[in-house]
C-alpha atoms as a PDB file:
ATOM      1  CA  MET A   1       0.747  57.602 177.433  1.00  0.00           C
ATOM      2  CA  ASN A   2       2.900  60.638 178.208  1.00  0.00           C
ATOM      3  CA  LYS A   3       1.171  63.433 180.098  1.00  0.00           C
ATOM      4  CA  LYS A   4       3.389  66.237 178.787  1.00  0.00           C
ATOM      5  CA  TRP A   5       3.645  67.325 175.150  1.00  0.00           C
ATOM      6  CA  ASP A   6       5.114  70.107 173.052  1.00  0.00           C
ATOM      7  CA  VAL A   7       1.860  70.444 171.080  1.00  0.00           C
ATOM      8  CA  ILE A   8      -1.622  68.992 171.518  1.00  0.00           C
ATOM      9  CA  ILE A   9      -4.049  69.230 168.593  1.00  0.00           C
ATOM     10  CA  ILE A  10      -7.809  68.854 169.050  1.00  0.00           C
ATOM     11  CA  GLY A  11      -9.507  67.367 165.965  1.00  0.00           C
ATOM     12  CA  SER A  12      -8.213  64.842 163.419  1.00  0.00           C
ATOM     13  CA  GLY A  13      -9.687  66.310 160.225  1.00  0.00           C
ATOM     14  CA  PRO A  14      -7.436  67.645 157.443  1.00  0.00           C
ATOM     15  CA  ALA A  15      -6.449  70.686 159.532  1.00  0.00           C
ATOM     16  CA  GLY A  16      -5.437  68.736 162.624  1.00  0.00           C
ATOM     17  CA  SER A  17      -3.714  65.871 160.800  1.00  0.00           C
ATOM     18  CA  VAL A  18      -1.736  68.138 158.451  1.00  0.00           C
ATOM     19  CA  CYS A  19      -0.660  70.352 161.347  1.00  0.00           C
ATOM     20  CA  GLY A  20       0.507  67.284 163.276  1.00  0.00           C
ATOM     21  CA  TYR A  21       2.279  65.884 160.213  1.00  0.00           C
ATOM     22  CA  GLN A  22       4.247  69.102 159.750  1.00  0.00           C
ATOM     23  CA  LEU A  23       5.157  69.378 163.436  1.00  0.00           C
ATOM     24  CA  ALA A  24       6.311  65.764 163.642  1.00  0.00           C
ATOM     25  CA  LYS A  25       8.621  66.376 160.674  1.00  0.00           C
ATOM     26  CA  GLU A  26      10.496  68.748 162.959  1.00  0.00           C
ATOM     27  CA  LYS A  27      10.599  66.172 165.788  1.00  0.00           C
ATOM     28  CA  ILE A  28       8.159  68.263 167.817  1.00  0.00           C
ATOM     29  CA  LYS A  29       6.393  65.946 170.279  1.00  0.00           C
ATOM     30  CA  THR A  30       2.738  66.089 169.249  1.00  0.00           C
ATOM     31  CA  LEU A  31      -0.498  64.496 170.458  1.00  0.00           C
ATOM     32  CA  LEU A  32      -3.555  64.454 168.192  1.00  0.00           C
ATOM     33  CA  ILE A  33      -6.898  64.068 169.991  1.00  0.00           C
ATOM     34  CA  GLU A  34     -10.160  63.055 168.284  1.00  0.00           C
ATOM     35  CA  LYS A  35     -13.522  62.784 170.051  1.00  0.00           C
ATOM     36  CA  LYS A  36     -14.856  60.045 167.761  1.00  0.00           C
ATOM     37  CA  LYS A  37     -13.568  56.580 166.985  1.00  0.00           C
ATOM     38  CA  ILE A  38     -11.158  56.731 164.039  1.00  0.00           C
ATOM     39  CA  PRO A  39     -11.909  56.320 161.147  1.00  0.00           C
ATOM     40  CA  ARG A  40     -15.040  58.455 161.470  1.00  0.00           C
ATOM     41  CA  ASP A  41     -17.576  59.729 158.987  1.00  0.00           C
ATOM     42  CA  LYS A  42     -17.695  63.382 158.020  1.00  0.00           C
ATOM     43  CA  ILE A  43     -20.536  65.084 156.157  1.00  0.00           C
ATOM     44  CA  CYS A  44     -18.901  66.799 153.210  1.00  0.00           C
ATOM     45  CA  SER A  45     -19.157  66.886 149.431  1.00  0.00           C
ATOM     46  CA  GLY A  46     -15.742  65.209 149.345  1.00  0.00           C
ATOM     47  CA  LEU A  47     -14.375  67.319 146.504  1.00  0.00           C
ATOM     48  CA  VAL A  48     -10.623  67.753 146.856  1.00  0.00           C
ATOM     49  CA  SER A  49      -9.804  70.717 144.645  1.00  0.00           C
ATOM     50  CA  LYS A  50      -6.620  71.462 142.744  1.00  0.00           C
ATOM     51  CA  GLU A  51      -5.808  74.049 145.415  1.00  0.00           C
ATOM     52  CA  SER A  52      -5.947  71.356 148.104  1.00  0.00           C
ATOM     53  CA  GLN A  53      -4.010  68.864 145.979  1.00  0.00           C
ATOM     54  CA  ASN A  54      -1.219  71.389 145.387  1.00  0.00           C
ATOM     55  CA  ALA A  55      -1.034  72.334 149.066  1.00  0.00           C
ATOM     56  CA  LEU A  56      -0.628  68.661 149.989  1.00  0.00           C
ATOM     57  CA  LYS A  57       1.964  68.058 147.266  1.00  0.00           C
ATOM     58  CA  LYS A  58       4.091  70.910 148.622  1.00  0.00           C
ATOM     59  CA  ILE A  59       4.464  69.058 151.927  1.00  0.00           C
ATOM     60  CA  GLY A  60       5.076  65.700 150.257  1.00  0.00           C
ATOM     61  CA  LEU A  61       1.601  64.142 150.306  1.00  0.00           C
ATOM     62  CA  ARG A  62      -0.187  62.774 147.232  1.00  0.00           C
ATOM     63  CA  ILE A  63      -3.746  61.534 147.479  1.00  0.00           C
ATOM     64  CA  PRO A  64      -3.828  57.736 147.016  1.00  0.00           C
ATOM     65  CA  ASP A  65      -6.351  56.145 144.682  1.00  0.00           C
ATOM     66  CA  ALA A  66      -7.638  54.038 147.578  1.00  0.00           C
ATOM     67  CA  VAL A  67      -9.398  57.011 149.215  1.00  0.00           C
ATOM     68  CA  CYS A  68     -11.159  58.020 145.996  1.00  0.00           C
ATOM     69  CA  THR A  69     -14.613  56.946 144.949  1.00  0.00           C
ATOM     70  CA  ARG A  70     -16.386  56.677 141.588  1.00  0.00           C
ATOM     71  CA  PRO A  71     -16.108  58.786 139.496  1.00  0.00           C
ATOM     72  CA  LYS A  72     -12.548  59.346 140.711  1.00  0.00           C
ATOM     73  CA  ILE A  73     -12.062  62.631 138.838  1.00  0.00           C
ATOM     74  CA  GLY A  74     -14.745  65.310 138.756  1.00  0.00           C
ATOM     75  CA  LYS A  75     -14.949  67.988 136.052  1.00  0.00           C
ATOM     76  CA  GLY A  76     -16.127  70.930 138.154  1.00  0.00           C
ATOM     77  CA  ILE A  77     -19.036  72.640 139.873  1.00  0.00           C
ATOM     78  CA  LYS A  78     -22.244  73.824 138.242  1.00  0.00           C
ATOM     79  CA  VAL A  79     -24.249  76.515 140.015  1.00  0.00           C
ATOM     80  CA  GLN A  80     -27.811  77.629 139.364  1.00  0.00           C
ATOM     81  CA  PHE A  81     -28.366  80.957 141.078  1.00  0.00           C
ATOM     82  CA  TYR A  82     -32.113  81.297 140.475  1.00  0.00           C
ATOM     83  CA  ILE A  83     -34.840  78.878 139.476  1.00  0.00           C
ATOM     84  CA  GLY A  84     -35.075  78.737 135.676  1.00  0.00           C
ATOM     85  CA  ASN A  85     -31.534  79.995 134.991  1.00  0.00           C
ATOM     86  CA  ASN A  86     -28.930  77.991 133.150  1.00  0.00           C
ATOM     87  CA  PHE A  87     -26.048  76.593 135.164  1.00  0.00           C
ATOM     88  CA  PHE A  88     -22.955  78.727 135.678  1.00  0.00           C
ATOM     89  CA  GLU A  89     -20.043  76.320 135.274  1.00  0.00           C
ATOM     90  CA  MET A  90     -16.815  76.499 137.266  1.00  0.00           C
ATOM     91  CA  PRO A  91     -14.621  73.952 135.459  1.00  0.00           C
ATOM     92  CA  GLU A  92     -11.919  72.474 137.649  1.00  0.00           C
ATOM     93  CA  LYS A  93     -10.860  68.880 137.992  1.00  0.00           C
ATOM     94  CA  PHE A  94     -11.180  67.542 141.518  1.00  0.00           C
ATOM     95  CA  TYR A  95     -10.605  64.254 143.277  1.00  0.00           C
ATOM     96  CA  ASN A  96     -13.848  62.667 144.433  1.00  0.00           C
ATOM     97  CA  VAL A  97     -13.332  61.116 147.890  1.00  0.00           C
ATOM     98  CA  TRP A  98     -15.198  59.772 150.873  1.00  0.00           C
ATOM     99  CA  ARG A  99     -14.140  61.966 153.774  1.00  0.00           C
ATOM    100  CA  ARG A 100     -14.021  58.955 156.102  1.00  0.00           C
ATOM    101  CA  TYR A 101     -11.105  57.510 154.132  1.00  0.00           C
ATOM    102  CA  PHE A 102      -9.472  60.789 153.084  1.00  0.00           C
ATOM    103  CA  ASP A 103      -9.263  62.016 156.681  1.00  0.00           C
ATOM    104  CA  PHE A 104      -8.115  58.589 157.900  1.00  0.00           C
ATOM    105  CA  TRP A 105      -5.309  58.586 155.336  1.00  0.00           C
ATOM    106  CA  LEU A 106      -4.080  61.980 156.553  1.00  0.00           C
ATOM    107  CA  THR A 107      -4.248  60.847 160.180  1.00  0.00           C
ATOM    108  CA  LEU A 108      -2.251  57.711 159.330  1.00  0.00           C
ATOM    109  CA  GLU A 109       0.363  59.844 157.550  1.00  0.00           C
ATOM    110  CA  ALA A 110       0.653  62.039 160.649  1.00  0.00           C
ATOM    111  CA  ASN A 111       0.927  58.940 162.837  1.00  0.00           C
ATOM    112  CA  LYS A 112       3.654  57.443 160.604  1.00  0.00           C
ATOM    113  CA  MET A 113       5.571  60.710 160.863  1.00  0.00           C
ATOM    114  CA  GLY A 114       5.543  60.418 164.667  1.00  0.00           C
ATOM    115  CA  VAL A 115       2.280  61.990 165.877  1.00  0.00           C
ATOM    116  CA  ASN A 116       0.592  60.139 168.753  1.00  0.00           C
ATOM    117  CA  VAL A 117      -3.131  59.711 168.084  1.00  0.00           C
ATOM    118  CA  LYS A 118      -5.742  59.342 170.830  1.00  0.00           C
ATOM    119  CA  ASP A 119      -9.338  58.878 169.666  1.00  0.00           C
ATOM    120  CA  GLU A 120     -12.639  58.563 171.565  1.00  0.00           C
ATOM    121  CA  THR A 121     -11.376  61.470 173.669  1.00  0.00           C
ATOM    122  CA  LYS A 122     -13.343  64.668 174.219  1.00  0.00           C
ATOM    123  CA  LEU A 123     -11.897  67.992 175.383  1.00  0.00           C
ATOM    124  CA  ILE A 124     -13.605  69.282 178.547  1.00  0.00           C
ATOM    125  CA  ASP A 125     -11.526  72.185 179.851  1.00  0.00           C
ATOM    126  CA  ILE A 126      -8.439  74.326 179.277  1.00  0.00           C
ATOM    127  CA  LYS A 127      -6.389  76.076 181.993  1.00  0.00           C
ATOM    128  CA  LYS A 128      -3.304  78.260 181.780  1.00  0.00           C
ATOM    129  CA  LEU A 129      -0.404  77.204 184.049  1.00  0.00           C
ATOM    130  CA  ASN A 130       2.200  79.969 183.784  1.00  0.00           C
ATOM    131  CA  ASP A 131       4.040  79.009 180.577  1.00  0.00           C
ATOM    132  CA  ASP A 132       2.115  75.769 180.058  1.00  0.00           C
ATOM    133  CA  ILE A 133      -1.443  74.817 179.166  1.00  0.00           C
ATOM    134  CA  LEU A 134      -3.351  72.107 181.028  1.00  0.00           C
ATOM    135  CA  ILE A 135      -6.202  70.353 179.272  1.00  0.00           C
ATOM    136  CA  LYS A 136      -8.782  68.051 180.802  1.00  0.00           C
ATOM    137  CA  VAL A 137     -10.330  65.353 178.632  1.00  0.00           C
ATOM    138  CA  LYS A 138     -12.917  62.604 178.919  1.00  0.00           C
ATOM    139  CA  THR A 139     -11.521  59.466 177.304  1.00  0.00           C
ATOM    140  CA  LYS A 140     -12.654  55.879 176.791  1.00  0.00           C
ATOM    141  CA  ASP A 141     -10.559  53.277 178.601  1.00  0.00           C
ATOM    142  CA  GLU A 142      -8.956  50.867 176.116  1.00  0.00           C
ATOM    143  CA  ILE A 143      -9.781  47.798 178.236  1.00  0.00           C
ATOM    144  CA  THR A 144     -13.048  48.502 180.062  1.00  0.00           C
ATOM    145  CA  GLY A 145     -14.625  50.824 177.490  1.00  0.00           C
ATOM    146  CA  LYS A 146     -15.704  53.111 180.337  1.00  0.00           C
ATOM    147  CA  TYR A 147     -15.012  56.828 180.235  1.00  0.00           C
ATOM    148  CA  LYS A 148     -12.523  58.426 182.605  1.00  0.00           C
ATOM    149  CA  ILE A 149     -11.037  61.897 183.132  1.00  0.00           C
ATOM    150  CA  GLU A 150      -7.399  62.553 182.224  1.00  0.00           C
ATOM    151  CA  GLU A 151      -5.198  65.649 182.172  1.00  0.00           C
ATOM    152  CA  TYR A 152      -2.367  66.595 179.820  1.00  0.00           C
ATOM    153  CA  ILE A 153       0.113  69.470 179.799  1.00  0.00           C
ATOM    154  CA  THR A 154       1.373  71.168 176.647  1.00  0.00           C
ATOM    155  CA  LYS A 155       3.290  74.240 175.511  1.00  0.00           C
ATOM    156  CA  TYR A 156       0.948  74.840 172.570  1.00  0.00           C
ATOM    157  CA  LEU A 157      -2.659  73.878 171.947  1.00  0.00           C
ATOM    158  CA  VAL A 158      -4.194  73.840 168.448  1.00  0.00           C
ATOM    159  CA  GLY A 159      -7.965  73.898 167.940  1.00  0.00           C
ATOM    160  CA  ALA A 160      -8.775  72.029 164.723  1.00  0.00           C
ATOM    161  CA  ASP A 161     -12.226  70.982 165.881  1.00  0.00           C
ATOM    162  CA  GLY A 162     -14.486  72.559 163.293  1.00  0.00           C
ATOM    163  CA  ALA A 163     -17.473  74.876 163.234  1.00  0.00           C
ATOM    164  CA  ALA A 164     -18.621  74.036 166.777  1.00  0.00           C
ATOM    165  CA  SER A 165     -15.062  74.208 168.132  1.00  0.00           C
ATOM    166  CA  THR A 166     -14.796  73.430 171.840  1.00  0.00           C
ATOM    167  CA  VAL A 167     -11.378  75.085 171.941  1.00  0.00           C
ATOM    168  CA  ARG A 168     -12.874  78.307 170.568  1.00  0.00           C
ATOM    169  CA  LYS A 169     -15.746  78.201 173.080  1.00  0.00           C
ATOM    170  CA  LEU A 170     -13.327  77.793 175.979  1.00  0.00           C
ATOM    171  CA  ILE A 171     -10.934  80.584 175.013  1.00  0.00           C
ATOM    172  CA  TYR A 172     -13.622  82.964 173.721  1.00  0.00           C
ATOM    173  CA  PRO A 173     -16.533  82.311 176.118  1.00  0.00           C
ATOM    174  CA  ASN A 174     -18.350  85.500 175.101  1.00  0.00           C
ATOM    175  CA  PHE A 175     -18.105  84.846 171.380  1.00  0.00           C
ATOM    176  CA  LYS A 176     -21.374  83.676 169.838  1.00  0.00           C
ATOM    177  CA  ARG A 177     -21.219  82.090 166.399  1.00  0.00           C
ATOM    178  CA  SER A 178     -24.162  81.975 164.030  1.00  0.00           C
ATOM    179  CA  ILE A 179     -24.449  78.274 163.237  1.00  0.00           C
ATOM    180  CA  GLY A 180     -25.847  76.502 160.204  1.00  0.00           C
ATOM    181  CA  ILE A 181     -26.964  72.940 159.564  1.00  0.00           C
ATOM    182  CA  ALA A 182     -26.067  70.828 156.527  1.00  0.00           C
ATOM    183  CA  TYR A 183     -28.568  68.032 155.931  1.00  0.00           C
ATOM    184  CA  GLN A 184     -28.305  65.354 153.264  1.00  0.00           C
ATOM    185  CA  GLU A 185     -29.889  62.092 152.209  1.00  0.00           C
ATOM    186  CA  TYR A 186     -28.436  59.126 150.329  1.00  0.00           C
ATOM    187  CA  TRP A 187     -30.660  57.439 147.747  1.00  0.00           C
ATOM    188  CA  ARG A 188     -30.417  54.889 145.013  1.00  0.00           C
ATOM    189  CA  GLY A 189     -32.063  56.157 141.866  1.00  0.00           C
ATOM    190  CA  THR A 190     -31.507  58.060 138.644  1.00  0.00           C
ATOM    191  CA  ILE A 191     -31.323  61.693 137.546  1.00  0.00           C
ATOM    192  CA  ASP A 192     -30.568  63.487 134.252  1.00  0.00           C
ATOM    193  CA  LEU A 193     -27.389  65.162 135.528  1.00  0.00           C
ATOM    194  CA  ASP A 194     -23.758  64.428 134.672  1.00  0.00           C
ATOM    195  CA  PRO A 195     -22.218  62.529 137.643  1.00  0.00           C
ATOM    196  CA  ARG A 196     -18.840  64.187 137.015  1.00  0.00           C
ATOM    197  CA  TYR A 197     -20.113  67.530 138.376  1.00  0.00           C
ATOM    198  CA  PHE A 198     -21.166  68.810 141.766  1.00  0.00           C
ATOM    199  CA  TYR A 199     -24.416  70.791 141.499  1.00  0.00           C
ATOM    200  CA  ALA A 200     -25.317  73.747 143.710  1.00  0.00           C
ATOM    201  CA  PHE A 201     -28.669  75.553 143.698  1.00  0.00           C
ATOM    202  CA  MET A 202     -28.705  78.975 145.340  1.00  0.00           C
ATOM    203  CA  ASP A 203     -32.343  80.090 144.986  1.00  0.00           C
ATOM    204  CA  ARG A 204     -33.832  80.656 148.440  1.00  0.00           C
ATOM    205  CA  GLU A 205     -37.071  79.045 147.370  1.00  0.00           C
ATOM    206  CA  LEU A 206     -35.166  75.767 147.563  1.00  0.00           C
ATOM    207  CA  SER A 207     -33.142  76.274 150.729  1.00  0.00           C
ATOM    208  CA  ALA A 208     -32.087  78.865 153.253  1.00  0.00           C
ATOM    209  CA  GLY A 209     -28.644  79.078 151.681  1.00  0.00           C
ATOM    210  CA  TYR A 210     -27.863  76.482 149.093  1.00  0.00           C
ATOM    211  CA  ALA A 211     -29.102  73.093 148.000  1.00  0.00           C
ATOM    212  CA  PHE A 212     -26.827  70.533 146.397  1.00  0.00           C
ATOM    213  CA  CYS A 213     -26.759  67.275 144.524  1.00  0.00           C
ATOM    214  CA  ASN A 214     -23.891  64.994 143.562  1.00  0.00           C
ATOM    215  CA  MET A 215     -23.241  61.359 142.791  1.00  0.00           C
ATOM    216  CA  LYS A 216     -20.786  58.911 144.350  1.00  0.00           C
ATOM    217  CA  GLU A 217     -20.654  55.291 143.248  1.00  0.00           C
ATOM    218  CA  ASP A 218     -24.291  54.134 143.142  1.00  0.00           C
ATOM    219  CA  TYR A 219     -25.575  56.854 145.464  1.00  0.00           C
ATOM    220  CA  LEU A 220     -27.464  60.056 144.773  1.00  0.00           C
ATOM    221  CA  ILE A 221     -26.624  62.546 147.513  1.00  0.00           C
ATOM    222  CA  ILE A 222     -29.219  65.288 147.910  1.00  0.00           C
ATOM    223  CA  GLY A 223     -29.035  67.962 150.572  1.00  0.00           C
ATOM    224  CA  VAL A 224     -29.758  71.481 151.769  1.00  0.00           C
ATOM    225  CA  GLY A 225     -28.252  73.993 154.148  1.00  0.00           C
ATOM    226  CA  ALA A 226     -29.926  76.402 156.540  1.00  0.00           C
ATOM    227  CA  LEU A 227     -29.403  78.372 159.706  1.00  0.00           C
ATOM    228  CA  LYS A 228     -29.923  76.308 162.825  1.00  0.00           C
ATOM    229  CA  GLY A 229     -33.586  76.324 163.889  1.00  0.00           C
ATOM    230  CA  ILE A 230     -35.094  76.497 160.402  1.00  0.00           C
ATOM    231  CA  ASP A 231     -37.337  73.650 159.196  1.00  0.00           C
ATOM    232  CA  ILE A 232     -34.688  72.066 157.037  1.00  0.00           C
ATOM    233  CA  LYS A 233     -36.690  68.984 156.043  1.00  0.00           C
ATOM    234  CA  ASN A 234     -39.334  71.212 154.440  1.00  0.00           C
ATOM    235  CA  PHE A 235     -36.608  72.678 152.227  1.00  0.00           C
ATOM    236  CA  GLN A 236     -35.292  69.190 151.476  1.00  0.00           C
ATOM    237  CA  ASN A 237     -38.720  67.998 150.307  1.00  0.00           C
ATOM    238  CA  ARG A 238     -39.134  71.129 148.179  1.00  0.00           C
ATOM    239  CA  PHE A 239     -35.709  70.614 146.601  1.00  0.00           C
ATOM    240  CA  ILE A 240     -36.447  66.962 145.808  1.00  0.00           C
ATOM    241  CA  ARG A 241     -39.669  67.975 144.016  1.00  0.00           C
ATOM    242  CA  TYR A 242     -37.669  70.555 142.032  1.00  0.00           C
ATOM    243  CA  LEU A 243     -35.173  67.903 140.916  1.00  0.00           C
ATOM    244  CA  GLN A 244     -38.025  65.563 140.008  1.00  0.00           C
ATOM    245  CA  ASP A 245     -39.687  68.210 137.850  1.00  0.00           C
ATOM    246  CA  GLY A 246     -36.541  69.604 136.246  1.00  0.00           C
ATOM    247  CA  TRP A 247     -34.134  66.674 135.888  1.00  0.00           C
ATOM    248  CA  ASN A 248     -36.332  63.576 136.070  1.00  0.00           C
ATOM    249  CA  LEU A 249     -35.114  62.564 139.512  1.00  0.00           C
ATOM    250  CA  ASN A 250     -36.344  59.041 140.246  1.00  0.00           C
ATOM    251  CA  LEU A 251     -35.852  57.932 143.844  1.00  0.00           C
ATOM    252  CA  GLU A 252     -35.823  54.149 144.103  1.00  0.00           C
ATOM    253  CA  LYS A 253     -34.500  53.326 147.574  1.00  0.00           C
ATOM    254  CA  PHE A 254     -33.724  55.462 150.634  1.00  0.00           C
ATOM    255  CA  ILE A 255     -30.350  54.577 152.206  1.00  0.00           C
ATOM    256  CA  ARG A 256     -29.704  57.004 155.076  1.00  0.00           C
ATOM    257  CA  ARG A 257     -29.827  60.615 156.238  1.00  0.00           C
ATOM    258  CA  GLU A 258     -27.276  62.685 158.134  1.00  0.00           C
ATOM    259  CA  ALA A 259     -26.767  66.227 159.388  1.00  0.00           C
ATOM    260  CA  THR A 260     -23.947  68.259 160.861  1.00  0.00           C
ATOM    261  CA  VAL A 261     -23.248  71.681 162.334  1.00  0.00           C
ATOM    262  CA  THR A 262     -21.515  74.100 159.958  1.00  0.00           C
ATOM    263  CA  THR A 263     -20.343  77.691 160.059  1.00  0.00           C
ATOM    264  CA  ASP A 264     -23.024  80.111 158.848  1.00  0.00           C
ATOM    265  CA  ILE A 265     -22.718  80.815 155.141  1.00  0.00           C
ATOM    266  CA  PHE A 266     -26.489  80.955 154.788  1.00  0.00           C
ATOM    267  CA  SER A 267     -27.221  84.520 155.925  1.00  0.00           C
ATOM    268  CA  GLU A 268     -27.529  87.299 153.347  1.00  0.00           C
ATOM    269  CA  ASN A 269     -24.353  88.827 154.789  1.00  0.00           C
ATOM    270  CA  PRO A 270     -22.552  86.289 156.990  1.00  0.00           C
ATOM    271  CA  VAL A 271     -19.871  87.609 159.330  1.00  0.00           C
ATOM    272  CA  PHE A 272     -16.475  85.916 159.294  1.00  0.00           C
ATOM    273  CA  ASN A 273     -14.306  86.661 162.309  1.00  0.00           C
ATOM    274  CA  HIS A 274     -11.079  84.799 161.482  1.00  0.00           C
ATOM    275  CA  LEU A 275     -10.174  84.192 165.115  1.00  0.00           C
ATOM    276  CA  HIS A 276      -6.564  83.034 165.298  1.00  0.00           C
ATOM    277  CA  GLY A 277      -6.376  82.337 169.044  1.00  0.00           C
ATOM    278  CA  GLU A 278      -4.467  83.676 172.037  1.00  0.00           C
ATOM    279  CA  ASP A 279      -1.835  82.719 174.633  1.00  0.00           C
ATOM    280  CA  ASN A 280      -0.220  79.864 172.667  1.00  0.00           C
ATOM    281  CA  ILE A 281      -3.646  78.487 171.737  1.00  0.00           C
ATOM    282  CA  LEU A 282      -4.106  78.570 167.951  1.00  0.00           C
ATOM    283  CA  LEU A 283      -7.275  78.029 165.920  1.00  0.00           C
ATOM    284  CA  ILE A 284      -7.053  76.547 162.425  1.00  0.00           C
ATOM    285  CA  GLY A 285      -9.462  75.566 159.668  1.00  0.00           C
ATOM    286  CA  GLU A 286     -13.149  76.081 160.272  1.00  0.00           C
ATOM    287  CA  ALA A 287     -12.551  76.620 164.004  1.00  0.00           C
ATOM    288  CA  ALA A 288     -10.953  79.899 162.904  1.00  0.00           C
ATOM    289  CA  ASP A 289     -13.735  80.747 160.397  1.00  0.00           C
ATOM    290  CA  LEU A 290     -11.478  79.895 157.473  1.00  0.00           C
ATOM    291  CA  PHE A 291     -13.363  78.578 154.431  1.00  0.00           C
ATOM    292  CA  ASN A 292     -14.521  79.926 151.092  1.00  0.00           C
ATOM    293  CA  VAL A 293     -17.852  81.358 150.013  1.00  0.00           C
ATOM    294  CA  MET A 294     -19.139  78.013 148.734  1.00  0.00           C
ATOM    295  CA  GLY A 295     -18.512  76.441 152.121  1.00  0.00           C
ATOM    296  CA  GLU A 296     -15.393  74.575 150.954  1.00  0.00           C
ATOM    297  CA  GLY A 297     -13.094  74.218 153.924  1.00  0.00           C
ATOM    298  CA  ILE A 298     -10.379  71.720 152.956  1.00  0.00           C
ATOM    299  CA  PRO A 299      -7.954  74.161 151.204  1.00  0.00           C
ATOM    300  CA  SER A 300      -8.112  76.638 154.101  1.00  0.00           C
ATOM    301  CA  ALA A 301      -7.790  73.809 156.615  1.00  0.00           C
ATOM    302  CA  ILE A 302      -4.589  72.559 154.992  1.00  0.00           C
ATOM    303  CA  LYS A 303      -3.039  75.999 154.466  1.00  0.00           C
ATOM    304  CA  SER A 304      -3.829  77.320 157.952  1.00  0.00           C
ATOM    305  CA  ALA A 305      -2.501  74.059 159.436  1.00  0.00           C
ATOM    306  CA  ILE A 306       0.808  74.517 157.631  1.00  0.00           C
ATOM    307  CA  ASN A 307       0.977  78.172 158.700  1.00  0.00           C
ATOM    308  CA  ALA A 308       0.247  77.293 162.331  1.00  0.00           C
ATOM    309  CA  SER A 309       2.904  74.575 162.375  1.00  0.00           C
ATOM    310  CA  GLU A 310       5.479  76.999 160.955  1.00  0.00           C
ATOM    311  CA  ALA A 311       4.562  79.645 163.541  1.00  0.00           C
ATOM    312  CA  ILE A 312       4.956  77.129 166.372  1.00  0.00           C
ATOM    313  CA  LYS A 313       8.302  75.940 165.021  1.00  0.00           C
ATOM    314  CA  GLU A 314       9.613  79.521 164.778  1.00  0.00           C
ATOM    315  CA  ASN A 315       8.354  80.353 168.259  1.00  0.00           C
ATOM    316  CA  ILE A 316      10.089  77.284 169.705  1.00  0.00           C
ATOM    317  CA  ASN A 317      13.356  78.438 168.114  1.00  0.00           C
ATOM    318  CA  ASN A 318      12.852  82.043 169.241  1.00  0.00           C
ATOM    319  CA  SER A 319      10.743  82.356 172.386  1.00  0.00           C
ATOM    320  CA  LYS A 320      10.859  86.175 172.197  1.00  0.00           C
ATOM    321  CA  THR A 321       8.412  86.084 169.297  1.00  0.00           C
ATOM    322  CA  ASP A 322       4.619  85.881 169.755  1.00  0.00           C
ATOM    323  CA  VAL A 323       3.259  82.681 168.209  1.00  0.00           C
ATOM    324  CA  ILE A 324      -0.202  84.152 167.545  1.00  0.00           C
ATOM    325  CA  GLU A 325       1.235  87.181 165.772  1.00  0.00           C
ATOM    326  CA  LEU A 326       3.495  84.918 163.730  1.00  0.00           C
ATOM    327  CA  TYR A 327       0.514  82.778 162.776  1.00  0.00           C
ATOM    328  CA  LYS A 328      -1.611  85.818 161.860  1.00  0.00           C
ATOM    329  CA  GLU A 329       1.136  87.126 159.604  1.00  0.00           C
ATOM    330  CA  LYS A 330       1.529  83.780 157.863  1.00  0.00           C
ATOM    331  CA  ASN A 331      -2.257  83.548 157.418  1.00  0.00           C
ATOM    332  CA  LYS A 332      -2.559  87.061 155.998  1.00  0.00           C
ATOM    333  CA  LYS A 333      -2.687  86.064 152.313  1.00  0.00           C
ATOM    334  CA  LEU A 334      -5.159  83.281 153.035  1.00  0.00           C
ATOM    335  CA  VAL A 335      -7.514  85.593 154.943  1.00  0.00           C
ATOM    336  CA  GLU A 336      -7.296  88.293 152.259  1.00  0.00           C
ATOM    337  CA  LYS A 337      -8.078  85.754 149.561  1.00  0.00           C
ATOM    338  CA  LEU A 338     -11.118  84.421 151.437  1.00  0.00           C
ATOM    339  CA  GLU A 339     -12.458  87.921 152.050  1.00  0.00           C
ATOM    340  CA  LYS A 340     -12.016  88.918 148.397  1.00  0.00           C
ATOM    341  CA  ASN A 341     -13.622  85.645 147.403  1.00  0.00           C
ATOM    342  CA  TRP A 342     -16.764  86.555 149.341  1.00  0.00           C
ATOM    343  CA  GLU A 343     -16.821  90.212 148.254  1.00  0.00           C
ATOM    344  CA  GLY A 344     -16.418  89.227 144.608  1.00  0.00           C
ATOM    345  CA  PHE A 345     -19.215  86.685 144.882  1.00  0.00           C
ATOM    346  CA  LYS A 346     -21.598  89.291 146.299  1.00  0.00           C
ATOM    347  CA  LYS A 347     -20.723  91.797 143.567  1.00  0.00           C
ATOM    348  CA  GLN A 348     -21.164  89.256 140.802  1.00  0.00           C
ATOM    349  CA  TYR A 349     -24.248  87.498 142.175  1.00  0.00           C
ATOM    350  CA  ASP A 350     -26.763  89.509 140.126  1.00  0.00           C
ATOM    351  CA  GLN A 351     -24.619  89.183 137.030  1.00  0.00           C
ATOM    352  CA  PHE A 352     -24.337  85.416 137.456  1.00  0.00           C
ATOM    353  CA  SER A 353     -28.065  85.088 138.039  1.00  0.00           C
ATOM    354  CA  LYS A 354     -28.777  86.562 134.588  1.00  0.00           C
ATOM    355  CA  ILE A 355     -26.681  83.963 132.755  1.00  0.00           C
END
C-alpha cells in the first residue's frame, strides 16, 4: 500500500465514508482507516431521517433496501418527558436500518469511487512534518494476523472517529470531554407499543438522560443512557419494570447486551464545543461534537463530511486559503441549527412535559 496520500480519514462510519466518497469524486487520493474489522457493529437506533436521506441524495446516494430491516419505514419518534404524561409525537418517516449494513454500504460506495480502505488499523500518533502530517498506526498483518507498526504521510487528516476520537485527543491533549454511556439489551418478547415508532423516555427516574425502546425484526431493543461512572444497569432494570407495568412488556428470551461511549447529552446543561480542528487536521461528525439534542448524529455526520471535503478541495486548488477556516464557514449553518435545536428544546421542555 502507498505510504503517501492526499487525505487520510480515521473512522469508517457515515462521516468518514461520505467524506472519502466526496473526495474520491474529485480524484483526490484518499485512504480510509478503520480500527475494527469491516463490516462492524455500531450501537445506534438505526433511524435514518429524512434530513439524512436528502443529504445523501444530493451527492448521488440512495439507501438500498438491502440495508433496511423490518419494519422498513418508521412513522416517527414518540417522547414521554415525565412519568405519567402522554407521548409527544414527532411524526417523520425514517428508514429503519442496522448500522452494520448501512455503514458497510457507505464504505463500499466510497471504495467503488476510488477510496482505499484499510481496516483493523488503529491510530497511535500524529506528527507535523512541515507541510505534511505523519501518522503512526498499529495494523493487523493480512497474512500472519499479527499486529505491526506502520507510518503514513498525508497533506490532510480527517478525524471521523466518534465521541472518543483519538484524533481529537492527539491534537487537543488538554481538552477533556464529558463522556456518556449508551447501554442496550436485545430481547425476544412482546410489548403494547407500535413497532413503527421509536420511543424515548426522558424522566430522570428512569435514566440519567434518556431511556429508549424500539423494535427491529423480532427483537425488542431496550436501553438507557447515562454519564460514564453511573450505575447504568440499575437504571436499565428500573426502566424494564416501568415498561412491564405501563405497556405489558413480556420478556421471553435474552439475546445480548452491548454498550458504547457517546458524547454527553445527559447532563442538565451539556456543553458542546464544536471543535473543527487545526493545521490541516479536520474533525467531523461526533468527533467535532456535531449531533442534535436527541443524540442523533447521522445527519450532522453526513453534512459535516460534505463540508470538510469541499473545504479540502478548495484548499488544494488555492493553497493561500486556510482549510480550517473554510470548513468552519461551510459548517456555520449546521452549527447554528444544532445550537438552536438545543436551546429550543430547553425552552420548550416544561411545555412539552405538560402535554
